[in-house]
Protein backbone atom coordinates (compact mmCIF):
# COMPACT_ATOMS: atom_id res chain seq x y z
CA UNK A 1 -7.09 2.16 29.77
CA UNK A 2 -4.35 0.03 28.48
CA UNK A 3 -1.17 0.97 26.23
CA UNK A 4 -2.58 -0.02 23.00
CA UNK A 5 -6.18 1.79 23.54
CA UNK A 6 -4.41 4.81 24.19
CA UNK A 7 -2.43 4.69 21.36
CA UNK A 8 -5.90 4.03 19.28
CA UNK A 9 -7.39 6.94 21.14
CA UNK A 10 -4.40 9.43 20.16
CA UNK A 11 -4.37 8.27 16.79
CA UNK A 12 -8.34 8.54 15.87
CA UNK A 13 -8.42 12.01 17.28
CA UNK A 14 -5.65 13.22 14.83
CA UNK A 15 -7.29 11.44 12.29
CA UNK A 16 -10.45 13.43 13.16
CA UNK A 17 -8.64 16.42 13.06
CA UNK A 18 -6.61 16.62 9.65
CA UNK A 19 -10.12 15.15 8.09
CA UNK A 20 -11.38 18.51 9.10
CA UNK A 21 -8.53 20.71 8.14
CA UNK A 22 -8.61 19.15 5.22
CA UNK A 23 -12.30 19.74 4.58
CA UNK A 24 -12.38 23.33 5.35
CA UNK A 25 -9.68 23.48 2.76
CA UNK A 26 -11.16 22.18 0.31
CA UNK A 27 -14.41 23.57 0.74
CA UNK A 28 -16.22 20.79 0.05
CA UNK A 29 -19.56 19.44 1.37
CA UNK A 30 -18.50 16.19 0.85
CA UNK A 31 -15.64 16.04 2.55
CA UNK A 32 -17.46 16.71 5.82
CA UNK A 33 -19.49 13.62 4.74
CA UNK A 34 -16.33 11.59 4.64
CA UNK A 35 -14.99 12.65 8.05
CA UNK A 36 -18.03 10.93 9.65
CA UNK A 37 -17.71 7.91 7.42
CA UNK A 38 -13.84 6.99 7.68
CA UNK A 39 -13.36 8.35 11.46
CA UNK A 40 -16.09 4.84 12.34
CA UNK A 41 -12.71 2.61 11.22
CA UNK A 42 -9.52 1.23 11.13
CA UNK A 43 -6.35 2.66 9.33
CA UNK A 44 -4.60 -1.00 9.69
CA UNK A 45 -3.66 -2.59 6.89
CA UNK A 46 -3.30 -6.34 6.29
CA UNK A 47 -2.81 -9.14 4.22
CA UNK A 48 -4.79 -12.05 2.97
CA UNK A 49 -2.06 -14.84 1.76
CA UNK A 50 -2.94 -17.18 -1.43
CA UNK A 51 -0.21 -20.04 -2.62
CA UNK A 52 0.66 -20.26 -6.11
CA UNK A 53 2.54 -23.00 -7.20
CA UNK A 54 4.57 -25.27 -4.33
CA UNK A 55 5.29 -22.01 -2.12
CA UNK A 56 4.27 -23.03 1.32
CA UNK A 57 2.19 -20.36 3.15
CA UNK A 58 0.70 -21.31 6.62
CA UNK A 59 -1.76 -20.07 8.66
CA UNK A 60 -3.07 -17.42 6.15
CA UNK A 61 -3.48 -14.32 7.83
CA UNK A 62 -1.73 -15.74 11.14
CA UNK A 63 1.41 -16.91 9.39
CA UNK A 64 3.84 -14.06 8.79
CA UNK A 65 7.19 -16.26 8.15
CA UNK A 66 6.91 -17.35 4.23
CA UNK A 67 8.58 -20.34 3.29
CA UNK A 68 9.82 -21.77 -0.33
CA UNK A 69 12.32 -24.16 -1.73
CA UNK A 70 14.55 -22.51 -4.17
CA UNK A 71 13.33 -24.25 -7.01
CA UNK A 72 9.91 -22.55 -6.28
CA UNK A 73 8.22 -19.78 -8.21
CA UNK A 74 5.98 -17.67 -5.75
CA UNK A 75 3.37 -16.72 -4.20
CA UNK A 76 1.11 -14.08 -4.10
CA UNK A 77 -0.07 -11.27 -1.06
CA UNK A 78 -2.99 -8.90 -0.93
CA UNK A 79 -2.65 -6.02 1.12
CA UNK A 80 -5.26 -3.56 1.91
CA UNK A 81 -6.16 0.19 3.61
CA UNK A 82 -9.37 0.66 4.56
CA UNK A 83 -9.66 4.14 4.12
CA UNK A 84 -7.11 7.05 2.32
CA UNK A 85 -7.05 10.82 3.20
CA UNK A 86 -4.61 13.81 2.97
CA UNK A 87 -2.62 13.91 5.95
CA UNK A 88 -3.62 10.51 7.58
CA UNK A 89 -0.79 8.44 9.41
CA UNK A 90 1.69 7.82 7.39
CA UNK A 91 1.86 3.77 6.88
CA UNK A 92 5.56 2.89 7.51
CA UNK A 93 8.24 0.35 8.31
CA UNK A 94 11.96 0.66 9.95
CA UNK A 95 14.75 -1.70 10.05
CA UNK A 96 13.94 -1.73 14.46
CA UNK A 97 10.34 -2.37 13.83
CA UNK A 98 9.54 -6.74 13.70
CA UNK A 99 8.21 -7.91 10.87
CA UNK A 100 4.37 -8.53 11.02
CA UNK A 101 0.99 -7.31 10.17
CA UNK A 102 1.34 -4.47 12.81
CA UNK A 103 4.73 -3.16 11.25
CA UNK A 104 3.80 -3.80 7.56
CA UNK A 105 6.24 -6.43 6.91
CA UNK A 106 6.13 -10.21 5.46
CA UNK A 107 9.02 -12.09 6.41
CA UNK A 108 10.57 -14.56 3.58
CA UNK A 109 12.39 -17.71 4.21
CA UNK A 110 14.64 -19.48 1.88
CA UNK A 111 14.29 -23.10 3.53
CA UNK A 112 16.26 -24.38 -0.39
CA UNK A 113 19.93 -25.58 -1.34
CA UNK A 114 20.08 -22.66 -3.77
CA UNK A 115 20.30 -19.48 -3.57
CA UNK A 116 17.28 -17.10 -5.16
CA UNK A 117 16.46 -14.20 -6.54
CA UNK A 118 13.11 -12.24 -5.43
CA UNK A 119 11.21 -9.45 -7.83
CA UNK A 120 7.58 -8.24 -7.45
CA UNK A 121 4.78 -7.70 -9.75
CA UNK A 122 1.47 -5.98 -8.59
CA UNK A 123 -1.29 -8.21 -10.52
CA UNK A 124 -4.06 -6.01 -9.62
CA UNK A 125 -5.02 -2.64 -7.91
CA UNK A 126 -8.09 -1.18 -7.00
CA UNK A 127 -8.80 2.07 -5.95
CA UNK A 128 -12.35 2.84 -4.24
CA UNK A 129 -13.85 -0.23 -5.91
CA UNK A 130 -12.75 0.41 -9.30
CA UNK A 131 -9.49 -1.73 -11.07
CA UNK A 132 -6.88 0.63 -12.06
CA UNK A 133 -5.46 -0.59 -15.71
CA UNK A 134 -2.50 1.48 -17.39
CA UNK A 135 -2.96 4.73 -15.29
CA UNK A 136 0.21 3.53 -12.43
CA UNK A 137 3.52 2.82 -13.12
CA UNK A 138 5.76 0.37 -11.02
CA UNK A 139 9.23 1.09 -10.65
CA UNK A 140 11.87 -1.18 -9.41
CA UNK A 141 15.35 0.22 -8.32
CA UNK A 142 18.46 -1.39 -7.57
CA UNK A 143 17.95 -1.42 -3.76
CA UNK A 144 14.64 -3.39 -4.02
CA UNK A 145 12.39 -0.57 -3.76
CA UNK A 146 9.53 -0.70 -6.21
CA UNK A 147 7.66 2.48 -6.22
CA UNK A 148 4.00 2.59 -7.57
CA UNK A 149 3.46 6.00 -9.11
CA UNK A 150 0.31 7.78 -11.26
CA UNK A 151 -0.30 11.65 -11.83
CA UNK A 152 -3.54 10.56 -10.58
CA UNK A 153 -2.43 9.53 -7.14
CA UNK A 154 -1.83 12.13 -4.36
CA UNK A 155 -0.44 9.63 -2.25
CA UNK A 156 2.99 7.63 -2.58
CA UNK A 157 3.24 4.11 -2.33
CA UNK A 158 6.07 1.65 -1.91
CA UNK A 159 6.71 -1.65 -1.45
CA UNK A 160 10.43 -2.79 -0.34
CA UNK A 161 12.74 -5.94 -0.28
CA UNK A 162 15.39 -6.18 2.73
CA UNK A 163 17.65 -7.77 0.24
CA UNK A 164 16.42 -9.39 -3.34
CA UNK A 165 18.82 -12.07 -3.21
CA UNK A 166 18.03 -14.52 -0.37
CA UNK A 167 20.58 -17.30 0.16
CA UNK A 168 20.09 -20.54 1.26
CA UNK A 169 18.53 -20.66 5.04
CA UNK A 170 18.47 -17.12 5.10
CA UNK A 171 15.41 -14.46 5.83
CA UNK A 172 14.84 -11.22 3.86
CA UNK A 173 11.51 -9.25 4.57
CA UNK A 174 9.20 -7.38 2.17
CA UNK A 175 7.50 -4.44 3.60
CA UNK A 176 5.39 -1.42 2.13
CA UNK A 177 4.87 2.16 2.66
CA UNK A 178 2.09 4.95 1.89
CA UNK A 179 2.55 8.74 2.47
CA UNK A 180 -0.02 11.58 2.12
CA UNK A 181 0.96 14.69 3.55
CA UNK A 182 -1.56 17.22 3.97
CA UNK A 183 0.58 19.83 2.41
CA UNK A 184 2.95 19.34 -0.44
CA UNK A 185 6.38 21.18 0.44
CA UNK A 186 9.60 22.46 -1.67
CA UNK A 187 11.79 19.60 -1.46
CA UNK A 188 8.72 17.23 -2.74
CA UNK A 189 8.82 19.88 -5.83
CA UNK A 190 12.35 19.33 -6.05
CA UNK A 191 12.46 15.68 -6.06
CA UNK A 192 9.20 15.14 -7.94
CA UNK A 193 10.23 17.33 -10.73
CA UNK A 194 14.05 17.83 -11.73
CA UNK A 195 13.68 19.63 -14.30
CA UNK A 196 10.41 21.77 -15.16
CA UNK A 197 9.24 19.47 -17.70
CA UNK A 198 9.39 16.28 -16.02
CA UNK A 199 5.76 16.21 -15.75
CA UNK A 200 3.06 18.68 -17.27
CA UNK A 201 2.56 20.20 -13.80
CA UNK A 202 6.47 20.84 -13.12
CA UNK A 203 6.71 24.12 -14.62
CA UNK A 204 6.86 25.85 -11.23
CA UNK A 205 6.27 25.45 -7.28
CA UNK A 206 2.57 27.39 -8.03
CA UNK A 207 1.27 24.76 -10.55
CA UNK A 208 2.50 21.79 -8.80
CA UNK A 209 0.73 22.57 -5.49
CA UNK A 210 -2.13 23.64 -7.38
CA UNK A 211 -1.95 20.12 -9.61
CA UNK A 212 -1.90 18.60 -6.32
CA UNK A 213 -4.79 20.42 -4.44
CA UNK A 214 -6.53 19.76 -7.33
CA UNK A 215 -6.17 15.69 -7.33
CA UNK A 216 -6.47 15.86 -3.14
CA UNK A 217 -10.23 16.98 -3.53
CA UNK A 218 -10.62 14.80 -6.45
CA UNK A 219 -9.51 11.43 -4.61
CA UNK A 220 -11.48 12.63 -1.61
CA UNK A 221 -14.28 12.90 -3.38
CA UNK A 222 -14.08 9.60 -4.71
CA UNK A 223 -13.45 8.26 -1.46
CA UNK A 224 -17.07 9.82 -0.28
CA UNK A 225 -18.63 8.85 -3.47
CA UNK A 226 -17.21 5.16 -2.52
CA UNK A 227 -18.34 4.92 1.33
CA UNK A 228 -21.76 6.13 0.40
CA UNK A 229 -22.24 3.49 -2.68
CA UNK A 230 -21.69 0.18 -0.55
CA UNK A 231 -19.42 -0.78 -3.63
CA UNK A 232 -17.87 -4.12 -4.09
CA UNK A 233 -14.67 -4.96 -5.72
CA UNK A 234 -15.07 -8.30 -7.14
CA UNK A 235 -11.85 -10.22 -6.97
CA UNK A 236 -10.77 -12.49 -9.62
CA UNK A 237 -11.38 -15.99 -8.86
CA UNK A 238 -7.63 -16.89 -9.49
CA UNK A 239 -6.93 -15.91 -6.28
CA UNK A 240 -8.85 -18.34 -4.80
CA UNK A 241 -10.37 -16.65 -1.46
CA UNK A 242 -12.73 -18.10 0.74
CA UNK A 243 -15.89 -15.99 1.14
CA UNK A 244 -15.01 -14.89 4.56
CA UNK A 245 -11.81 -13.57 3.16
CA UNK A 246 -13.41 -11.93 0.11
CA UNK A 247 -16.32 -10.48 2.65
CA UNK A 248 -12.66 -8.76 4.72
CA UNK A 249 -11.70 -7.69 1.60
CA UNK A 250 -13.71 -6.05 -0.67
CA UNK A 251 -14.93 -2.63 0.79
CA UNK A 252 -11.83 -1.48 1.28
CA UNK A 253 -10.46 1.66 -0.31
CA UNK A 254 -6.75 0.50 -1.74
CA UNK A 255 -6.77 -3.09 -2.70
CA UNK A 256 -3.28 -4.47 -3.97
CA UNK A 257 -2.62 -8.07 -5.44
CA UNK A 258 1.12 -8.47 -5.61
CA UNK A 259 3.02 -11.24 -6.50
CA UNK A 260 6.49 -12.30 -5.03
CA UNK A 261 8.40 -14.55 -7.72
CA UNK A 262 11.50 -15.98 -7.37
CA UNK A 263 14.16 -17.73 -9.53
CA UNK A 264 17.66 -19.28 -8.84
CA UNK A 265 20.18 -16.77 -8.19
CA UNK A 266 23.05 -15.96 -11.10
CA UNK A 267 25.75 -15.94 -7.71
CA UNK A 268 24.69 -18.79 -5.52
C-alpha cells in the first residue's frame, strides 16, 4: 500500500471515531446516519478559479500560481468542503508547506511594474445548500487575516495573505484554515469572551459550553438533512462556471466565493 493510501486510511479511521463520539455525546439518531454518509466522502478542499476583468488565471483547477499585472483589479476563487462535523481534521497551512491545492493555498504573482495591495471580499457563502446572508461577519486584521465568524457557526474559518502588499515581480500566498474542535476549552472561552458581555453566551464558562453544544447539534442535524435531501446549490451565473464545474461543487457542504481585489500600492 502506498504512503498516500496509508495516510488516507488513517484519516478515515479518525473521522469515523470522531463522528461516533459526537453522535453518542449528542444522543441524536440523525447524527448516527451522518456517520455513514460523511465517511464516504473526502475532506479535501479545492478551488475553482474564474477570471474577472483582465486577471490572468490559467488552467483553472490545475493552476495554482495566479498571475496579474498591477493595473488589473482582481479575480474570484471558489472554496469548497465536502462535509463538516465536530472534531473533523483541521484544515491548516504552515509556513513550511508548499502553496498548492493539497495545502489549501493560492500563490499570487505580481508580474506588473508597480506594487499592489491585495484585499479579500466574501461574495457568497453557502452552508448545507443555503446561501448565508447577514448572519456572519468578515473581520480583517493588520496581518492580512480575514476571519469569518457567526454565533451560528461552531467552526473557525479564516483566510490569510502572506503579505497584503505585493511588490512588482514578487509572489505572496493566500491560504485558508478551518477548525471545528470536538470540545471547546477554557482557553477558547477566554479568547472569544474577553468580557462577560462580549456575547450573550459569555456570562460564564458553563453558559459558553452549553451554547456550543447546542450549535454543534444544530449544525450536525443540518448536515444530515442536507445529505438526505440531495439538495443542489444554484450558483450565480456571473461566475461563468462550466456544467462540469457546477456538478463538482453544487453538492458540497460549504461553498465560499471570494474575490481578491488589487489596487496600486500607496507605497510603491
